[in-house]
Each structure stands twice: as structure tokens, then as C-alpha cells.
Amino acid sequence: MVKRTLCFSNPAYLSLKNGQLVIKMPELEKVKSIPDSFKQEFVKTIPIEDIGVMVLDNKQITVTLGVIEALLENNTAVITCDSRHLPTGLLLPLEGNTTQSERFRDQIDASLPLKKQLWQQTVQCKIRNQAAVLNQTNGTVVKNMIAWAADVKSGDSDNLEARAAAYYWRNMFPDIPDFVRDRDGVPPNNLLNYGYAILRAVVARALVSSGLLPTLGIHHHNRYNAYCLADDIMEPYRPYIDEMVTKTAEKFGYTEEITPEIKREMLGIPVLDVVIGGQRSPLMVAVSQTTASLYKCFSGELRKISYPEK
């Protein structure tokens, strides 16, 4: 089942009752002249087990500990946003699998040659997906990218990922002269940031569910990054976000502000259609297949990660 993605951009009071998330409007609760029966009409309830990702994007949101406990027990990824409405925090459960200790050991004991082979597969799939998006979006010639994908060596020792990225971003937004992918750059970099943050949460959630440590990457190893493995595994999924951003930008323009309407579009990321293993599947389900196959690679059952192909 595809879990729901919730975003709270207005003041809210979130509590728990009978396994249900209860949503109240605090400003309405303060008005004593309004009858309680009328207030109850604005109280919403959602089953906790239906929630996969929750985005908290207002400083006046109150969340009870009971809600947090229930969300973590349900392996829900909780994202917090800063004053610029950009995701800055991610809350995940410490335990997400019944054989977690064994899986941690397999992950930790993975050999360097295996990690390099897995990174090779990851980069190859990412470049192929980038090429497909680039060609489908604006008809750019991508024979060079297909060739680069085929030439990626173990560990991507020639750094073909960077070469492909330079070509990709130079052509991805042809109506923006000299566009550069930069977290603090001009729009639609802000939309890319927002989309990648949602994707990262979905991937981190799936890794925890598969009993893996999101911190220990196969390639990324920044000592200050708590989600190195999530950043590795999300790479082939990034082009799906890029494609969504191009469509969102066409609809709303290259705006500095991420409006509620744009957020609603971007929160559809977990249910994007992807093809994995020859089958069409929602992105959130596909990511779970990817992380499950990754563990099997760590345990010696498989030698190839299951990634989506555009």
C-alpha cells in the first residue's frame, strides 16, 4: 500500500487518539464564542498507519509525544522545515527491522570491491535515467551520455558521473542561460532542493525499514552527513524529481517562493510512476524494492541492486 504524504503549512495541534492522528486548528480552539459542536466539524482524523511522510512547515505547530511515538512505530519519516520553508530536519526510528543487528553487521562487513561495484551500478543507472529525461523533456542528443554510462568503471574511477552531470544541467533548462545546479542558485534550484529533500526522506525511510543504517554509505562518506547511504541510493531516482520540476516550472514559472500550490505538486513525489523490474510501480514502493535488494547484495544473495529505469 502506498502511504500518504502530509504537509502542515498552517498552525496546527496534532495529537493522538485511538491510533488516529487528530488535527485541530489552535486559533479556532481559542475562540470561546464558537460552539464546540461547530469546532468539531473542523477536527480531522487520519489513521497513523496510512502516513508515510509528514512535513512540518510552520513554527506554530504543536505535536504531542504520543504522535511522535506512533509515527516512529509506523516507520513514518517526519520532515521539519526552516523559516524559508525548506526541509532541514529528518526524524526516523532507531529500529525498523526484526533482524536489524544481523543486517547492520552484513552492511558493516561489506567489502570495498562490492561497494565499488554497487556504486558503478548506481552511477550507470543514474546517467541512463538522466539521458532519458533530457531526451524526453527537450529532445537533447544523449548518445554521449549513453556511452558514458556504458563506460563507468568499478567505483566510477573516471568520475563520469560528474561529466554527465555537467552536460545534463547545461541542457536541462534551455530557457535559462548558463543554468548551474547549485543549492543556493537561481530558481528552479529551490524546487530541486525541495524535491530532493522529500526523496531523501522516502529513501531513508525505506533503508530503515530494510534494517540498514542510512549513515554508512557505499560511496558518500562525509563525516558530518547522517544520511550518506540515502544520498547514494537516491541518485538514480533524482531524474524523476528533475522531470517533475520541469513540469512544475512550466505550470507555475520560475518563482522564488514555494507556494502551497507548488508544495501540493511536489508532495506527489512518493506516488510518481516508475518502472522497476519491468513493472510499473509508485516511487515509494519501488524505493523499498531497491533497499531490499541492496541488503541482499550486502548479505551475498545478490550482486545487483534493483533500480528503476526510465
C-alpha atoms as a PDB file:
ATOM      1  CA  MET A   1       0.000   0.000   0.000  1.00  0.00           C
ATOM      2  CA  VAL A   2       1.245   3.482  -0.872  1.00  0.00           C
ATOM      3  CA  LYS A   3       1.472   5.614   2.260  1.00  0.00           C
ATOM      4  CA  ARG A   4       0.133   9.168   2.420  1.00  0.00           C
ATOM      5  CA  THR A   5       2.324  12.277   2.440  1.00  0.00           C
ATOM      6  CA  LEU A   6       1.035  15.060   4.693  1.00  0.00           C
ATOM      7  CA  CYS A   7       2.234  18.672   4.775  1.00  0.00           C
ATOM      8  CA  PHE A   8       1.233  21.109   7.530  1.00  0.00           C
ATOM      9  CA  SER A   9       1.899  24.721   6.484  1.00  0.00           C
ATOM     10  CA  ASN A  10      -0.505  26.422   8.926  1.00  0.00           C
ATOM     11  CA  PRO A  11      -0.688  26.445  12.732  1.00  0.00           C
ATOM     12  CA  ALA A  12      -1.973  23.082  13.951  1.00  0.00           C
ATOM     13  CA  TYR A  13      -2.296  20.989  17.077  1.00  0.00           C
ATOM     14  CA  LEU A  14      -1.507  17.326  16.395  1.00  0.00           C
ATOM     15  CA  SER A  15      -2.490  14.740  18.959  1.00  0.00           C
ATOM     16  CA  LEU A  16      -3.224  11.019  19.125  1.00  0.00           C
ATOM     17  CA  LYS A  17      -6.485   9.242  19.928  1.00  0.00           C
ATOM     18  CA  ASN A  18      -7.323   5.558  19.320  1.00  0.00           C
ATOM     19  CA  GLY A  19      -4.439   5.159  16.889  1.00  0.00           C
ATOM     20  CA  GLN A  20      -5.611   8.149  14.870  1.00  0.00           C
ATOM     21  CA  LEU A  21      -3.793  11.396  14.191  1.00  0.00           C
ATOM     22  CA  VAL A  22      -6.117  14.165  15.397  1.00  0.00           C
ATOM     23  CA  ILE A  23      -5.679  17.549  13.694  1.00  0.00           C
ATOM     24  CA  LYS A  24      -7.072  20.677  15.325  1.00  0.00           C
ATOM     25  CA  MET A  25      -6.797  24.369  14.459  1.00  0.00           C
ATOM     26  CA  PRO A  26      -5.436  26.166  17.560  1.00  0.00           C
ATOM     27  CA  GLU A  27      -6.724  29.602  16.524  1.00  0.00           C
ATOM     28  CA  LEU A  28     -10.246  28.229  16.271  1.00  0.00           C
ATOM     29  CA  GLU A  29      -9.924  26.473  19.636  1.00  0.00           C
ATOM     30  CA  LYS A  30      -9.127  29.801  21.345  1.00  0.00           C
ATOM     31  CA  VAL A  31     -12.371  31.457  20.274  1.00  0.00           C
ATOM     32  CA  LYS A  32     -14.783  30.817  23.147  1.00  0.00           C
ATOM     33  CA  SER A  33     -17.771  32.319  21.362  1.00  0.00           C
ATOM     34  CA  ILE A  34     -17.783  29.497  18.810  1.00  0.00           C
ATOM     35  CA  PRO A  35     -19.860  26.447  19.882  1.00  0.00           C
ATOM     36  CA  ASP A  36     -17.909  23.219  20.480  1.00  0.00           C
ATOM     37  CA  SER A  37     -20.160  21.404  18.020  1.00  0.00           C
ATOM     38  CA  PHE A  38     -19.035  23.804  15.280  1.00  0.00           C
ATOM     39  CA  LYS A  39     -15.371  23.398  16.238  1.00  0.00           C
ATOM     40  CA  GLN A  40     -15.670  19.622  15.957  1.00  0.00           C
ATOM     41  CA  GLU A  41     -16.572  19.967  12.295  1.00  0.00           C
ATOM     42  CA  PHE A  42     -13.040  21.239  11.646  1.00  0.00           C
ATOM     43  CA  VAL A  43     -11.295  18.414  13.532  1.00  0.00           C
ATOM     44  CA  LYS A  44      -9.726  15.914  11.131  1.00  0.00           C
ATOM     45  CA  THR A  45      -8.561  12.366  11.911  1.00  0.00           C
ATOM     46  CA  ILE A  46      -6.189  10.195   9.877  1.00  0.00           C
ATOM     47  CA  PRO A  47      -5.056   6.619  10.656  1.00  0.00           C
ATOM     48  CA  ILE A  48      -1.397   6.693  11.703  1.00  0.00           C
ATOM     49  CA  GLU A  49      -0.657   3.554   9.666  1.00  0.00           C
ATOM     50  CA  ASP A  50      -1.657   5.396   6.472  1.00  0.00           C
ATOM     51  CA  ILE A  51       1.108   8.029   6.838  1.00  0.00           C
ATOM     52  CA  GLY A  52       4.484   7.508   5.164  1.00  0.00           C
ATOM     53  CA  VAL A  53       5.910  11.039   5.183  1.00  0.00           C
ATOM     54  CA  MET A  54       4.907  14.054   7.273  1.00  0.00           C
ATOM     55  CA  VAL A  55       6.202  17.576   6.570  1.00  0.00           C
ATOM     56  CA  LEU A  56       6.011  20.153   9.389  1.00  0.00           C
ATOM     57  CA  ASP A  57       6.332  23.622   7.847  1.00  0.00           C
ATOM     58  CA  ASN A  58       5.094  26.123  10.415  1.00  0.00           C
ATOM     59  CA  LYS A  59       6.643  27.313  13.672  1.00  0.00           C
ATOM     60  CA  GLN A  60       3.228  27.254  15.374  1.00  0.00           C
ATOM     61  CA  ILE A  61       2.673  23.510  15.032  1.00  0.00           C
ATOM     62  CA  THR A  62       2.350  21.572  18.297  1.00  0.00           C
ATOM     63  CA  VAL A  63       2.960  17.808  18.213  1.00  0.00           C
ATOM     64  CA  THR A  64       2.408  15.548  21.217  1.00  0.00           C
ATOM     65  CA  LEU A  65       4.951  12.901  22.176  1.00  0.00           C
ATOM     66  CA  GLY A  66       2.244  10.315  21.626  1.00  0.00           C
ATOM     67  CA  VAL A  67       2.027  11.323  17.958  1.00  0.00           C
ATOM     68  CA  ILE A  68       5.803  11.169  17.523  1.00  0.00           C
ATOM     69  CA  GLU A  69       5.960   7.733  19.160  1.00  0.00           C
ATOM     70  CA  ALA A  70       3.168   6.387  16.955  1.00  0.00           C
ATOM     71  CA  LEU A  71       4.719   7.838  13.792  1.00  0.00           C
ATOM     72  CA  LEU A  72       8.088   6.265  14.562  1.00  0.00           C
ATOM     73  CA  GLU A  73       6.499   2.915  15.374  1.00  0.00           C
ATOM     74  CA  ASN A  74       4.881   3.133  11.944  1.00  0.00           C
ATOM     75  CA  ASN A  75       8.263   3.991  10.317  1.00  0.00           C
ATOM     76  CA  THR A  76       6.996   7.398   9.195  1.00  0.00           C
ATOM     77  CA  ALA A  77       9.598   9.911   8.015  1.00  0.00           C
ATOM     78  CA  VAL A  78       8.972  13.251   9.754  1.00  0.00           C
ATOM     79  CA  ILE A  79      10.474  16.292   7.984  1.00  0.00           C
ATOM     80  CA  THR A  80      10.867  19.699   9.645  1.00  0.00           C
ATOM     81  CA  CYS A  81      11.304  22.928   7.679  1.00  0.00           C
ATOM     82  CA  ASP A  82      13.105  26.187   8.428  1.00  0.00           C
ATOM     83  CA  SER A  83      11.869  29.796   8.189  1.00  0.00           C
ATOM     84  CA  ARG A  84      12.477  29.695   4.414  1.00  0.00           C
ATOM     85  CA  HIS A  85      10.111  26.694   4.195  1.00  0.00           C
ATOM     86  CA  LEU A  86      12.970  24.411   3.116  1.00  0.00           C
ATOM     87  CA  PRO A  87      13.345  20.938   4.712  1.00  0.00           C
ATOM     88  CA  THR A  88      16.160  20.915   7.279  1.00  0.00           C
ATOM     89  CA  GLY A  89      15.457  18.007   9.649  1.00  0.00           C
ATOM     90  CA  LEU A  90      14.503  14.345   9.355  1.00  0.00           C
ATOM     91  CA  LEU A  91      13.221  12.115  12.163  1.00  0.00           C
ATOM     92  CA  LEU A  92      13.377   8.317  11.722  1.00  0.00           C
ATOM     93  CA  PRO A  93      13.018   5.305  14.048  1.00  0.00           C
ATOM     94  CA  LEU A  94      16.120   3.644  15.511  1.00  0.00           C
ATOM     95  CA  GLU A  95      14.636   0.201  14.908  1.00  0.00           C
ATOM     96  CA  GLY A  96      12.962  -0.702  11.654  1.00  0.00           C
ATOM     97  CA  ASN A  97      13.552  -4.426  11.160  1.00  0.00           C
ATOM     98  CA  THR A  98      13.331  -7.544  13.323  1.00  0.00           C
ATOM     99  CA  THR A  99      16.812  -8.781  12.299  1.00  0.00           C
ATOM    100  CA  GLN A 100      18.398  -5.361  12.422  1.00  0.00           C
ATOM    101  CA  SER A 101      21.599  -6.336  14.298  1.00  0.00           C
ATOM    102  CA  GLU A 102      22.394  -9.054  11.751  1.00  0.00           C
ATOM    103  CA  ARG A 103      21.709  -6.673   8.878  1.00  0.00           C
ATOM    104  CA  PHE A 104      23.884  -3.959  10.396  1.00  0.00           C
ATOM    105  CA  ARG A 105      26.742  -6.475  10.599  1.00  0.00           C
ATOM    106  CA  ASP A 106      26.334  -7.505   6.945  1.00  0.00           C
ATOM    107  CA  GLN A 107      26.317  -3.854   5.939  1.00  0.00           C
ATOM    108  CA  ILE A 108      29.381  -3.001   8.010  1.00  0.00           C
ATOM    109  CA  ASP A 109      31.293  -6.065   6.764  1.00  0.00           C
ATOM    110  CA  ALA A 110      30.617  -5.332   3.063  1.00  0.00           C
ATOM    111  CA  SER A 111      33.905  -5.392   1.160  1.00  0.00           C
ATOM    112  CA  LEU A 112      35.337  -2.388  -0.659  1.00  0.00           C
ATOM    113  CA  PRO A 113      35.206  -4.173  -4.071  1.00  0.00           C
ATOM    114  CA  LEU A 114      31.488  -4.865  -3.512  1.00  0.00           C
ATOM    115  CA  LYS A 115      30.814  -1.232  -2.596  1.00  0.00           C
ATOM    116  CA  LYS A 116      32.660  -0.069  -5.722  1.00  0.00           C
ATOM    117  CA  GLN A 117      30.610  -2.428  -7.905  1.00  0.00           C
ATOM    118  CA  LEU A 118      27.383  -1.204  -6.325  1.00  0.00           C
ATOM    119  CA  TRP A 119      28.411   2.408  -6.898  1.00  0.00           C
ATOM    120  CA  GLN A 120      29.233   1.568 -10.525  1.00  0.00           C
ATOM    121  CA  GLN A 121      25.687   0.212 -10.977  1.00  0.00           C
ATOM    122  CA  THR A 122      24.246   3.270  -9.250  1.00  0.00           C
ATOM    123  CA  VAL A 123      26.088   5.765 -11.465  1.00  0.00           C
ATOM    124  CA  GLN A 124      25.297   3.833 -14.635  1.00  0.00           C
ATOM    125  CA  CYS A 125      21.579   3.820 -13.850  1.00  0.00           C
ATOM    126  CA  LYS A 126      21.603   7.493 -12.840  1.00  0.00           C
ATOM    127  CA  ILE A 127      23.235   8.579 -16.115  1.00  0.00           C
ATOM    128  CA  ARG A 128      20.860   6.446 -18.197  1.00  0.00           C
ATOM    129  CA  ASN A 129      17.869   7.947 -16.384  1.00  0.00           C
ATOM    130  CA  GLN A 130      19.274  11.457 -16.816  1.00  0.00           C
ATOM    131  CA  ALA A 131      19.697  10.799 -20.536  1.00  0.00           C
ATOM    132  CA  ALA A 132      16.106   9.564 -20.833  1.00  0.00           C
ATOM    133  CA  VAL A 133      14.704  12.605 -19.020  1.00  0.00           C
ATOM    134  CA  LEU A 134      16.825  15.011 -21.057  1.00  0.00           C
ATOM    135  CA  ASN A 135      15.720  13.450 -24.324  1.00  0.00           C
ATOM    136  CA  GLN A 136      12.057  13.207 -23.347  1.00  0.00           C
ATOM    137  CA  THR A 137      11.945  16.739 -21.928  1.00  0.00           C
ATOM    138  CA  ASN A 138      13.531  18.763 -24.711  1.00  0.00           C
ATOM    139  CA  GLY A 139      14.870  16.338 -27.320  1.00  0.00           C
ATOM    140  CA  THR A 140      18.537  16.884 -26.465  1.00  0.00           C
ATOM    141  CA  VAL A 141      21.004  14.492 -28.103  1.00  0.00           C
ATOM    142  CA  VAL A 142      22.111  11.985 -25.444  1.00  0.00           C
ATOM    143  CA  LYS A 143      24.233   9.433 -27.327  1.00  0.00           C
ATOM    144  CA  ASN A 144      27.266  10.712 -25.426  1.00  0.00           C
ATOM    145  CA  MET A 145      25.543  10.128 -22.090  1.00  0.00           C
ATOM    146  CA  ILE A 146      24.587   6.575 -23.072  1.00  0.00           C
ATOM    147  CA  ALA A 147      28.218   5.956 -23.986  1.00  0.00           C
ATOM    148  CA  TRP A 148      29.415   7.423 -20.679  1.00  0.00           C
ATOM    149  CA  ALA A 149      27.012   5.177 -18.763  1.00  0.00           C
ATOM    150  CA  ALA A 150      28.404   2.105 -20.523  1.00  0.00           C
ATOM    151  CA  ASP A 151      31.979   3.200 -19.773  1.00  0.00           C
ATOM    152  CA  VAL A 152      31.548   3.642 -15.994  1.00  0.00           C
ATOM    153  CA  LYS A 153      34.136   1.503 -14.214  1.00  0.00           C
ATOM    154  CA  SER A 154      34.060  -0.012 -10.747  1.00  0.00           C
ATOM    155  CA  GLY A 155      33.825   2.836  -8.237  1.00  0.00           C
ATOM    156  CA  ASP A 156      33.438   5.312 -11.155  1.00  0.00           C
ATOM    157  CA  SER A 157      37.200   5.889 -11.082  1.00  0.00           C
ATOM    158  CA  ASP A 158      36.964   8.185 -14.133  1.00  0.00           C
ATOM    159  CA  ASN A 159      34.263  10.313 -12.457  1.00  0.00           C
ATOM    160  CA  LEU A 160      31.899  10.006 -15.407  1.00  0.00           C
ATOM    161  CA  GLU A 161      29.049  10.931 -13.082  1.00  0.00           C
ATOM    162  CA  ALA A 162      30.420  14.488 -12.931  1.00  0.00           C
ATOM    163  CA  ARG A 163      30.977  14.672 -16.687  1.00  0.00           C
ATOM    164  CA  ALA A 164      27.421  13.520 -17.348  1.00  0.00           C
ATOM    165  CA  ALA A 165      26.055  15.963 -14.744  1.00  0.00           C
ATOM    166  CA  ALA A 166      27.807  18.915 -16.377  1.00  0.00           C
ATOM    167  CA  TYR A 167      26.250  18.105 -19.756  1.00  0.00           C
ATOM    168  CA  TYR A 168      22.889  17.276 -18.206  1.00  0.00           C
ATOM    169  CA  TRP A 169      22.422  20.517 -16.276  1.00  0.00           C
ATOM    170  CA  ARG A 170      23.741  22.621 -19.153  1.00  0.00           C
ATOM    171  CA  ASN A 171      20.872  21.321 -21.282  1.00  0.00           C
ATOM    172  CA  MET A 172      18.121  20.603 -18.759  1.00  0.00           C
ATOM    173  CA  PHE A 173      16.687  24.139 -18.663  1.00  0.00           C
ATOM    174  CA  PRO A 174      17.498  25.600 -22.117  1.00  0.00           C
ATOM    175  CA  ASP A 175      15.448  28.752 -21.438  1.00  0.00           C
ATOM    176  CA  ILE A 176      17.733  29.651 -18.513  1.00  0.00           C
ATOM    177  CA  PRO A 177      21.122  30.753 -19.912  1.00  0.00           C
ATOM    178  CA  ASP A 178      24.117  29.114 -18.221  1.00  0.00           C
ATOM    179  CA  PHE A 179      21.977  27.291 -15.651  1.00  0.00           C
ATOM    180  CA  VAL A 180      24.056  25.745 -12.862  1.00  0.00           C
ATOM    181  CA  ARG A 181      22.824  23.230 -10.331  1.00  0.00           C
ATOM    182  CA  ASP A 182      23.567  24.970  -7.030  1.00  0.00           C
ATOM    183  CA  ARG A 183      21.679  24.609  -3.761  1.00  0.00           C
ATOM    184  CA  ASP A 184      21.680  28.393  -3.336  1.00  0.00           C
ATOM    185  CA  GLY A 185      21.344  29.178  -7.037  1.00  0.00           C
ATOM    186  CA  VAL A 186      18.552  30.719  -9.075  1.00  0.00           C
ATOM    187  CA  PRO A 187      15.158  29.002  -9.446  1.00  0.00           C
ATOM    188  CA  PRO A 188      14.296  26.255 -10.093  1.00  0.00           C
ATOM    189  CA  ASN A 189      17.170  25.217  -7.806  1.00  0.00           C
ATOM    190  CA  ASN A 190      14.791  25.855  -4.896  1.00  0.00           C
ATOM    191  CA  LEU A 191      12.281  23.384  -6.341  1.00  0.00           C
ATOM    192  CA  LEU A 192      15.033  20.825  -6.875  1.00  0.00           C
ATOM    193  CA  ASN A 193      16.130  21.275  -3.250  1.00  0.00           C
ATOM    194  CA  TYR A 194      12.587  20.722  -2.024  1.00  0.00           C
ATOM    195  CA  GLY A 195      12.008  17.691  -4.225  1.00  0.00           C
ATOM    196  CA  TYR A 196      15.308  16.063  -3.303  1.00  0.00           C
ATOM    197  CA  ALA A 197      14.557  16.547   0.400  1.00  0.00           C
ATOM    198  CA  ILE A 198      11.268  14.669   0.028  1.00  0.00           C
ATOM    199  CA  LEU A 199      13.005  11.948  -1.994  1.00  0.00           C
ATOM    200  CA  ARG A 200      15.774  11.667   0.596  1.00  0.00           C
ATOM    201  CA  ALA A 201      13.215  11.128   3.348  1.00  0.00           C
ATOM    202  CA  VAL A 202      11.461   8.415   1.323  1.00  0.00           C
ATOM    203  CA  VAL A 203      14.773   6.628   0.684  1.00  0.00           C
ATOM    204  CA  ALA A 204      15.965   6.942   4.299  1.00  0.00           C
ATOM    205  CA  ARG A 205      12.635   5.551   5.496  1.00  0.00           C
ATOM    206  CA  ALA A 206      12.958   2.548   3.171  1.00  0.00           C
ATOM    207  CA  LEU A 207      16.563   1.907   4.281  1.00  0.00           C
ATOM    208  CA  VAL A 208      15.489   1.808   7.941  1.00  0.00           C
ATOM    209  CA  SER A 209      12.613  -0.497   7.032  1.00  0.00           C
ATOM    210  CA  SER A 210      15.125  -2.821   5.329  1.00  0.00           C
ATOM    211  CA  GLY A 211      17.215  -2.878   8.503  1.00  0.00           C
ATOM    212  CA  LEU A 212      20.085  -0.784   7.141  1.00  0.00           C
ATOM    213  CA  LEU A 213      21.960   2.180   8.569  1.00  0.00           C
ATOM    214  CA  PRO A 214      21.349   5.286   6.420  1.00  0.00           C
ATOM    215  CA  THR A 215      24.635   6.720   7.766  1.00  0.00           C
ATOM    216  CA  LEU A 216      27.037   4.162   6.239  1.00  0.00           C
ATOM    217  CA  GLY A 217      27.253   4.847   2.520  1.00  0.00           C
ATOM    218  CA  ILE A 218      28.703   2.836  -0.332  1.00  0.00           C
ATOM    219  CA  HIS A 219      30.266   5.995  -1.808  1.00  0.00           C
ATOM    220  CA  HIS A 220      29.306   9.137   0.128  1.00  0.00           C
ATOM    221  CA  HIS A 221      31.270   9.297   3.379  1.00  0.00           C
ATOM    222  CA  ASN A 222      31.085  12.870   4.685  1.00  0.00           C
ATOM    223  CA  ARG A 223      31.705  12.664   8.437  1.00  0.00           C
ATOM    224  CA  TYR A 224      29.006  15.282   9.058  1.00  0.00           C
ATOM    225  CA  ASN A 225      26.340  13.569   6.934  1.00  0.00           C
ATOM    226  CA  ALA A 226      23.957  11.255   8.802  1.00  0.00           C
ATOM    227  CA  TYR A 227      22.353  10.005   5.570  1.00  0.00           C
ATOM    228  CA  CYS A 228      25.254   9.011   3.322  1.00  0.00           C
ATOM    229  CA  LEU A 229      23.623   5.761   2.182  1.00  0.00           C
ATOM    230  CA  ALA A 230      20.342   7.541   1.447  1.00  0.00           C
ATOM    231  CA  ASP A 231      22.275  10.029  -0.690  1.00  0.00           C
ATOM    232  CA  ASP A 232      23.886   7.112  -2.559  1.00  0.00           C
ATOM    233  CA  ILE A 233      20.710   5.150  -3.230  1.00  0.00           C
ATOM    234  CA  MET A 234      18.590   8.139  -4.248  1.00  0.00           C
ATOM    235  CA  GLU A 235      20.898   9.055  -7.157  1.00  0.00           C
ATOM    236  CA  PRO A 236      19.083   7.054  -9.887  1.00  0.00           C
ATOM    237  CA  TYR A 237      15.781   8.464  -8.612  1.00  0.00           C
ATOM    238  CA  ARG A 238      16.857  12.113  -8.879  1.00  0.00           C
ATOM    239  CA  PRO A 239      15.999  12.388 -12.608  1.00  0.00           C
ATOM    240  CA  TYR A 240      12.358  11.621 -11.762  1.00  0.00           C
ATOM    241  CA  ILE A 241      12.382  14.672  -9.492  1.00  0.00           C
ATOM    242  CA  ASP A 242      14.097  16.753 -12.187  1.00  0.00           C
ATOM    243  CA  GLU A 243      11.367  15.820 -14.663  1.00  0.00           C
ATOM    244  CA  MET A 244       8.680  16.751 -12.152  1.00  0.00           C
ATOM    245  CA  VAL A 245      10.375  20.107 -11.522  1.00  0.00           C
ATOM    246  CA  THR A 246      10.384  20.933 -15.241  1.00  0.00           C
ATOM    247  CA  LYS A 247       6.645  20.273 -15.393  1.00  0.00           C
ATOM    248  CA  THR A 248       6.015  22.244 -12.203  1.00  0.00           C
ATOM    249  CA  ALA A 249       8.077  25.176 -13.516  1.00  0.00           C
ATOM    250  CA  GLU A 250       6.122  25.138 -16.785  1.00  0.00           C
ATOM    251  CA  LYS A 251       2.912  25.371 -14.787  1.00  0.00           C
ATOM    252  CA  PHE A 252       3.909  27.933 -12.134  1.00  0.00           C
ATOM    253  CA  GLY A 253       7.006  29.626 -13.600  1.00  0.00           C
ATOM    254  CA  TYR A 254      10.484  30.029 -12.106  1.00  0.00           C
ATOM    255  CA  THR A 255       9.377  31.507  -8.820  1.00  0.00           C
ATOM    256  CA  GLU A 256      11.453  32.268  -5.728  1.00  0.00           C
ATOM    257  CA  GLU A 257       8.536  31.340  -3.476  1.00  0.00           C
ATOM    258  CA  ILE A 258       7.478  27.746  -2.981  1.00  0.00           C
ATOM    259  CA  THR A 259       3.735  28.343  -2.761  1.00  0.00           C
ATOM    260  CA  PRO A 260       1.189  25.922  -1.225  1.00  0.00           C
ATOM    261  CA  GLU A 261       0.123  25.003  -4.754  1.00  0.00           C
ATOM    262  CA  ILE A 262       3.691  24.090  -5.692  1.00  0.00           C
ATOM    263  CA  LYS A 263       4.078  22.100  -2.481  1.00  0.00           C
ATOM    264  CA  ARG A 264       0.991  20.095  -3.321  1.00  0.00           C
ATOM    265  CA  GLU A 265       2.555  19.217  -6.655  1.00  0.00           C
ATOM    266  CA  MET A 266       5.897  18.254  -5.104  1.00  0.00           C
ATOM    267  CA  LEU A 267       4.304  16.165  -2.357  1.00  0.00           C
ATOM    268  CA  GLY A 268       3.174  13.824  -5.114  1.00  0.00           C
ATOM    269  CA  ILE A 269       6.736  12.514  -5.363  1.00  0.00           C
ATOM    270  CA  PRO A 270       6.093   9.280  -3.388  1.00  0.00           C
ATOM    271  CA  VAL A 271       3.402   8.248  -5.861  1.00  0.00           C
ATOM    272  CA  LEU A 272       5.262   9.071  -9.082  1.00  0.00           C
ATOM    273  CA  ASP A 273       5.072   6.254 -11.620  1.00  0.00           C
ATOM    274  CA  VAL A 274       8.369   4.436 -12.133  1.00  0.00           C
ATOM    275  CA  VAL A 275       9.265   1.185 -13.887  1.00  0.00           C
ATOM    276  CA  ILE A 276      11.333  -1.248 -11.840  1.00  0.00           C
ATOM    277  CA  GLY A 277      11.916  -4.890 -12.671  1.00  0.00           C
ATOM    278  CA  GLY A 278       9.741  -4.480 -15.747  1.00  0.00           C
ATOM    279  CA  GLN A 279       6.747  -3.492 -13.622  1.00  0.00           C
ATOM    280  CA  ARG A 280       5.142  -0.076 -13.177  1.00  0.00           C
ATOM    281  CA  SER A 281       5.101   0.974  -9.539  1.00  0.00           C
ATOM    282  CA  PRO A 282       4.716   4.049  -7.288  1.00  0.00           C
ATOM    283  CA  LEU A 283       8.111   5.530  -6.412  1.00  0.00           C
ATOM    284  CA  MET A 284       7.733   4.803  -2.688  1.00  0.00           C
ATOM    285  CA  VAL A 285       7.138   1.109  -3.396  1.00  0.00           C
ATOM    286  CA  ALA A 286       9.997   0.997  -5.902  1.00  0.00           C
ATOM    287  CA  VAL A 287      12.402   2.508  -3.357  1.00  0.00           C
ATOM    288  CA  SER A 288      11.517  -0.279  -0.920  1.00  0.00           C
ATOM    289  CA  GLN A 289      12.367  -2.821  -3.625  1.00  0.00           C
ATOM    290  CA  THR A 290      15.681  -1.055  -4.171  1.00  0.00           C
ATOM    291  CA  THR A 291      16.654  -1.064  -0.488  1.00  0.00           C
ATOM    292  CA  ALA A 292      15.565  -4.698  -0.076  1.00  0.00           C
ATOM    293  CA  SER A 293      17.799  -5.694  -2.999  1.00  0.00           C
ATOM    294  CA  LEU A 294      20.654  -3.637  -1.505  1.00  0.00           C
ATOM    295  CA  TYR A 295      20.526  -5.670   1.691  1.00  0.00           C
ATOM    296  CA  LYS A 296      20.613  -8.871  -0.363  1.00  0.00           C
ATOM    297  CA  CYS A 297      23.770  -7.549  -2.001  1.00  0.00           C
ATOM    298  CA  PHE A 298      25.307  -6.970   1.434  1.00  0.00           C
ATOM    299  CA  SER A 299      24.293 -10.476   2.568  1.00  0.00           C
ATOM    300  CA  GLY A 300      25.676 -12.158  -0.569  1.00  0.00           C
ATOM    301  CA  GLU A 301      22.303 -13.204  -2.023  1.00  0.00           C
ATOM    302  CA  LEU A 302      22.523 -10.796  -4.975  1.00  0.00           C
ATOM    303  CA  ARG A 303      25.192  -8.917  -6.902  1.00  0.00           C
ATOM    304  CA  LYS A 304      22.974  -6.250  -8.436  1.00  0.00           C
ATOM    305  CA  ILE A 305      20.776  -3.532  -6.956  1.00  0.00           C
ATOM    306  CA  SER A 306      17.252  -3.260  -8.345  1.00  0.00           C
ATOM    307  CA  TYR A 307      16.911   0.293  -9.677  1.00  0.00           C
ATOM    308  CA  PRO A 308      14.197   1.952 -11.812  1.00  0.00           C
ATOM    309  CA  GLU A 309      14.837   2.614 -15.480  1.00  0.00           C
ATOM    310  CA  LYS A 310      13.282   5.482 -17.446  1.00  0.00           C
END
